[in-house]
Each structure stands twice: as C-alpha cells, then as structure tokens.
Amino acid sequence: MSAGRSGSACPPDGFNWHNLPTAPGATTLILRHVDGGFSRLAGLRLDAAAVTNWPWDRGVTVTPTPSEDIDETVIRSDSADLVPAECEGAGVLDDSGGMIAVAVRCGRPNEPGDAR
C-alpha cells in the first residue's frame, strides 16, 4: 500500500509515494501528521499495479479526523458517486489531474445502422 503525500521536504507541487506496511485483513488505516507543516493525501494505492491514484470501487472510504483546520468530509472512492443516475458507469479511467475521467454510457444502446 502506498500513500501520496506532499510535505516540507518536497517541492510545493511535487509528490512522493510512501510505502506503508502491509496489514492483511486490516479494515482501518490511520495516518497522522505530527511534525507541523503541510501534508496532502493525494492518493492511496492498495497494490503496485494500480493505474489510478485512488482505489476506486474497492469499498475504501477516507474520513479525516475533524479539527479546527479539517471538516468532517468523508471521501468515498466509489465511481458510482460520479455518474448521473440515468447513466451507467464503467469505472474511473484517470484521476491524476484536477478532474476525474469516468467511462459513462447514457441513453439507449446503439442499434445496427444507428448514426449515433
């Protein structure tokens, strides 16, 4: 498992991947920033073969501990949350930038000879 983190030792827009110890069967991971400064969790990869920064559609939820600087926002990595109800999602293609690219199919299926 790896976590993307930006800190005082990194350039302002640079990120490092830190390998975290394995914990088979663990259901909770707690990351605590204790040395002051700034940290930003920019991803969480559960395996080295991952092509996205977050473990989409694997039941992972990130819940920051509320403080005066952090609200109680819960971050779910479920691609269904990104797709309109009338459409069908086929997973996240890219989450490396400021936007998330999701494969989506909306409307009726194409018929043979259909121009769409």
C-alpha atoms as a PDB file:
ATOM      1  CA  MET A   1       0.000   0.000   0.000  1.00  0.00           C
ATOM      2  CA  SER A   2       1.281   3.491  -0.811  1.00  0.00           C
ATOM      3  CA  ALA A   3       0.119   6.952   0.117  1.00  0.00           C
ATOM      4  CA  GLY A   4       0.813  10.105  -1.879  1.00  0.00           C
ATOM      5  CA  ARG A   5       1.997  12.913   0.344  1.00  0.00           C
ATOM      6  CA  SER A   6       3.333  16.397  -0.226  1.00  0.00           C
ATOM      7  CA  GLY A   7       5.348  17.919   2.608  1.00  0.00           C
ATOM      8  CA  SER A   8       8.030  20.426   3.531  1.00  0.00           C
ATOM      9  CA  ALA A   9      10.797  18.224   2.065  1.00  0.00           C
ATOM     10  CA  CYS A  10       9.044  18.151  -1.343  1.00  0.00           C
ATOM     11  CA  PRO A  11       8.707  20.915  -3.916  1.00  0.00           C
ATOM     12  CA  PRO A  12       5.403  22.817  -3.441  1.00  0.00           C
ATOM     13  CA  ASP A  13       3.751  20.958  -6.317  1.00  0.00           C
ATOM     14  CA  GLY A  14       5.724  17.703  -6.014  1.00  0.00           C
ATOM     15  CA  PHE A  15       4.569  14.432  -4.523  1.00  0.00           C
ATOM     16  CA  ASN A  16       6.294  11.375  -3.178  1.00  0.00           C
ATOM     17  CA  TRP A  17       4.788   7.917  -2.805  1.00  0.00           C
ATOM     18  CA  HIS A  18       5.474   6.430   0.616  1.00  0.00           C
ATOM     19  CA  ASN A  19       5.192   2.681   1.028  1.00  0.00           C
ATOM     20  CA  LEU A  20       3.146   1.764   4.063  1.00  0.00           C
ATOM     21  CA  PRO A  21       3.491  -1.513   5.942  1.00  0.00           C
ATOM     22  CA  THR A  22       1.196  -4.319   4.834  1.00  0.00           C
ATOM     23  CA  ALA A  23      -1.618  -5.291   7.171  1.00  0.00           C
ATOM     24  CA  PRO A  24      -3.571  -8.249   5.758  1.00  0.00           C
ATOM     25  CA  GLY A  25      -7.168  -8.224   6.963  1.00  0.00           C
ATOM     26  CA  ALA A  26      -6.941  -4.700   8.408  1.00  0.00           C
ATOM     27  CA  THR A  27     -10.069  -2.610   7.920  1.00  0.00           C
ATOM     28  CA  THR A  28      -8.730   0.734   9.181  1.00  0.00           C
ATOM     29  CA  LEU A  29      -5.637   2.748   8.322  1.00  0.00           C
ATOM     30  CA  ILE A  30      -4.802   5.804  10.411  1.00  0.00           C
ATOM     31  CA  LEU A  31      -2.353   8.375   9.035  1.00  0.00           C
ATOM     32  CA  ARG A  32      -1.441  11.090  11.498  1.00  0.00           C
ATOM     33  CA  HIS A  33       0.635  14.169  10.634  1.00  0.00           C
ATOM     34  CA  VAL A  34       2.550  15.111  13.784  1.00  0.00           C
ATOM     35  CA  ASP A  35       5.514  17.286  12.804  1.00  0.00           C
ATOM     36  CA  GLY A  36       3.784  20.527  11.796  1.00  0.00           C
ATOM     37  CA  GLY A  37       3.841  21.920   8.293  1.00  0.00           C
ATOM     38  CA  PHE A  38       1.597  20.785   5.479  1.00  0.00           C
ATOM     39  CA  SER A  39       0.595  17.379   4.182  1.00  0.00           C
ATOM     40  CA  ARG A  40      -1.816  16.489   1.437  1.00  0.00           C
ATOM     41  CA  LEU A  41      -3.030  12.985   0.806  1.00  0.00           C
ATOM     42  CA  ALA A  42      -3.116  12.837  -2.978  1.00  0.00           C
ATOM     43  CA  GLY A  43      -3.769   9.155  -3.399  1.00  0.00           C
ATOM     44  CA  LEU A  44      -3.903   5.749  -1.811  1.00  0.00           C
ATOM     45  CA  ARG A  45      -2.835   2.708  -3.813  1.00  0.00           C
ATOM     46  CA  LEU A  46      -3.619  -0.706  -2.410  1.00  0.00           C
ATOM     47  CA  ASP A  47      -1.361  -2.526  -4.860  1.00  0.00           C
ATOM     48  CA  ALA A  48       1.651  -1.710  -7.022  1.00  0.00           C
ATOM     49  CA  ALA A  49      -0.224  -2.479 -10.263  1.00  0.00           C
ATOM     50  CA  ALA A  50      -2.785   0.296  -9.697  1.00  0.00           C
ATOM     51  CA  VAL A  51      -3.113   2.767 -12.581  1.00  0.00           C
ATOM     52  CA  THR A  52      -5.187   5.338 -10.668  1.00  0.00           C
ATOM     53  CA  ASN A  53      -4.234   7.326  -7.570  1.00  0.00           C
ATOM     54  CA  TRP A  54      -7.242   6.156  -5.545  1.00  0.00           C
ATOM     55  CA  PRO A  55      -8.626   2.618  -5.022  1.00  0.00           C
ATOM     56  CA  TRP A  56     -11.871   3.143  -6.955  1.00  0.00           C
ATOM     57  CA  ASP A  57     -14.753   0.718  -6.395  1.00  0.00           C
ATOM     58  CA  ARG A  58     -12.960  -1.285  -3.713  1.00  0.00           C
ATOM     59  CA  GLY A  59     -15.048  -0.095  -0.753  1.00  0.00           C
ATOM     60  CA  VAL A  60     -12.456   2.375   0.570  1.00  0.00           C
ATOM     61  CA  THR A  61     -13.581   5.485   2.453  1.00  0.00           C
ATOM     62  CA  VAL A  62     -11.259   8.185   3.803  1.00  0.00           C
ATOM     63  CA  THR A  63     -12.572  10.016   6.880  1.00  0.00           C
ATOM     64  CA  PRO A  64     -10.395  12.851   8.239  1.00  0.00           C
ATOM     65  CA  THR A  65     -10.462  13.368  11.997  1.00  0.00           C
ATOM     66  CA  PRO A  66     -12.203  16.731  12.448  1.00  0.00           C
ATOM     67  CA  SER A  67     -10.113  19.597  13.817  1.00  0.00           C
ATOM     68  CA  GLU A  68     -10.165  23.364  13.534  1.00  0.00           C
ATOM     69  CA  ASP A  69      -8.466  23.011  10.106  1.00  0.00           C
ATOM     70  CA  ILE A  70     -10.295  19.921   8.808  1.00  0.00           C
ATOM     71  CA  ASP A  71     -14.034  19.460   8.477  1.00  0.00           C
ATOM     72  CA  GLU A  72     -15.887  16.149   8.691  1.00  0.00           C
ATOM     73  CA  THR A  73     -15.837  15.476   4.946  1.00  0.00           C
ATOM     74  CA  VAL A  74     -15.964  11.794   4.055  1.00  0.00           C
ATOM     75  CA  ILE A  75     -14.223  10.831   0.814  1.00  0.00           C
ATOM     76  CA  ARG A  76     -15.566   7.717  -0.880  1.00  0.00           C
ATOM     77  CA  SER A  77     -13.730   6.212  -3.807  1.00  0.00           C
ATOM     78  CA  ASP A  78     -16.856   4.857  -5.480  1.00  0.00           C
ATOM     79  CA  SER A  79     -17.157   5.731  -9.176  1.00  0.00           C
ATOM     80  CA  ALA A  80     -20.971   5.383  -8.988  1.00  0.00           C
ATOM     81  CA  ASP A  81     -20.963   8.644  -6.991  1.00  0.00           C
ATOM     82  CA  LEU A  82     -19.615  10.403 -10.113  1.00  0.00           C
ATOM     83  CA  VAL A  83     -22.160   9.112 -12.636  1.00  0.00           C
ATOM     84  CA  PRO A  84     -25.667  10.555 -13.198  1.00  0.00           C
ATOM     85  CA  ALA A  85     -28.442   8.183 -12.049  1.00  0.00           C
ATOM     86  CA  GLU A  86     -29.748   7.705 -15.611  1.00  0.00           C
ATOM     87  CA  CYS A  87     -26.341   6.568 -16.868  1.00  0.00           C
ATOM     88  CA  GLU A  88     -24.162   3.514 -16.388  1.00  0.00           C
ATOM     89  CA  GLY A  89     -20.559   3.907 -15.268  1.00  0.00           C
ATOM     90  CA  ALA A  90     -17.728   1.609 -16.282  1.00  0.00           C
ATOM     91  CA  GLY A  91     -15.061   2.753 -13.822  1.00  0.00           C
ATOM     92  CA  VAL A  92     -12.515   5.531 -13.452  1.00  0.00           C
ATOM     93  CA  LEU A  93     -10.079   5.905 -16.341  1.00  0.00           C
ATOM     94  CA  ASP A  94      -7.839   8.659 -14.929  1.00  0.00           C
ATOM     95  CA  ASP A  95      -7.696  10.552 -11.631  1.00  0.00           C
ATOM     96  CA  SER A  96      -4.221  12.048 -11.954  1.00  0.00           C
ATOM     97  CA  GLY A  97      -5.181  15.675 -12.605  1.00  0.00           C
ATOM     98  CA  GLY A  98      -7.672  18.236 -11.417  1.00  0.00           C
ATOM     99  CA  MET A  99     -10.543  16.247 -12.943  1.00  0.00           C
ATOM    100  CA  ILE A 100     -11.608  12.610 -12.821  1.00  0.00           C
ATOM    101  CA  ALA A 101     -12.285  10.825 -16.129  1.00  0.00           C
ATOM    102  CA  VAL A 102     -15.034   8.205 -15.813  1.00  0.00           C
ATOM    103  CA  ALA A 103     -16.296   5.884 -18.553  1.00  0.00           C
ATOM    104  CA  VAL A 104     -20.049   6.531 -18.859  1.00  0.00           C
ATOM    105  CA  ARG A 105     -22.810   5.213 -21.116  1.00  0.00           C
ATOM    106  CA  CYS A 106     -26.097   7.119 -21.216  1.00  0.00           C
ATOM    107  CA  GLY A 107     -29.259   6.645 -23.255  1.00  0.00           C
ATOM    108  CA  ARG A 108     -30.359   3.701 -25.309  1.00  0.00           C
ATOM    109  CA  PRO A 109     -27.876   1.269 -26.862  1.00  0.00           C
ATOM    110  CA  ASN A 110     -26.930   1.841 -30.487  1.00  0.00           C
ATOM    111  CA  GLU A 111     -28.981  -0.146 -32.966  1.00  0.00           C
ATOM    112  CA  PRO A 112     -27.425  -1.564 -36.159  1.00  0.00           C
ATOM    113  CA  GLY A 113     -27.371   1.278 -38.691  1.00  0.00           C
ATOM    114  CA  ASP A 114     -27.874   3.928 -35.954  1.00  0.00           C
ATOM    115  CA  ALA A 115     -25.820   7.061 -36.730  1.00  0.00           C
ATOM    116  CA  ARG A 116     -25.016   7.715 -33.030  1.00  0.00           C
END
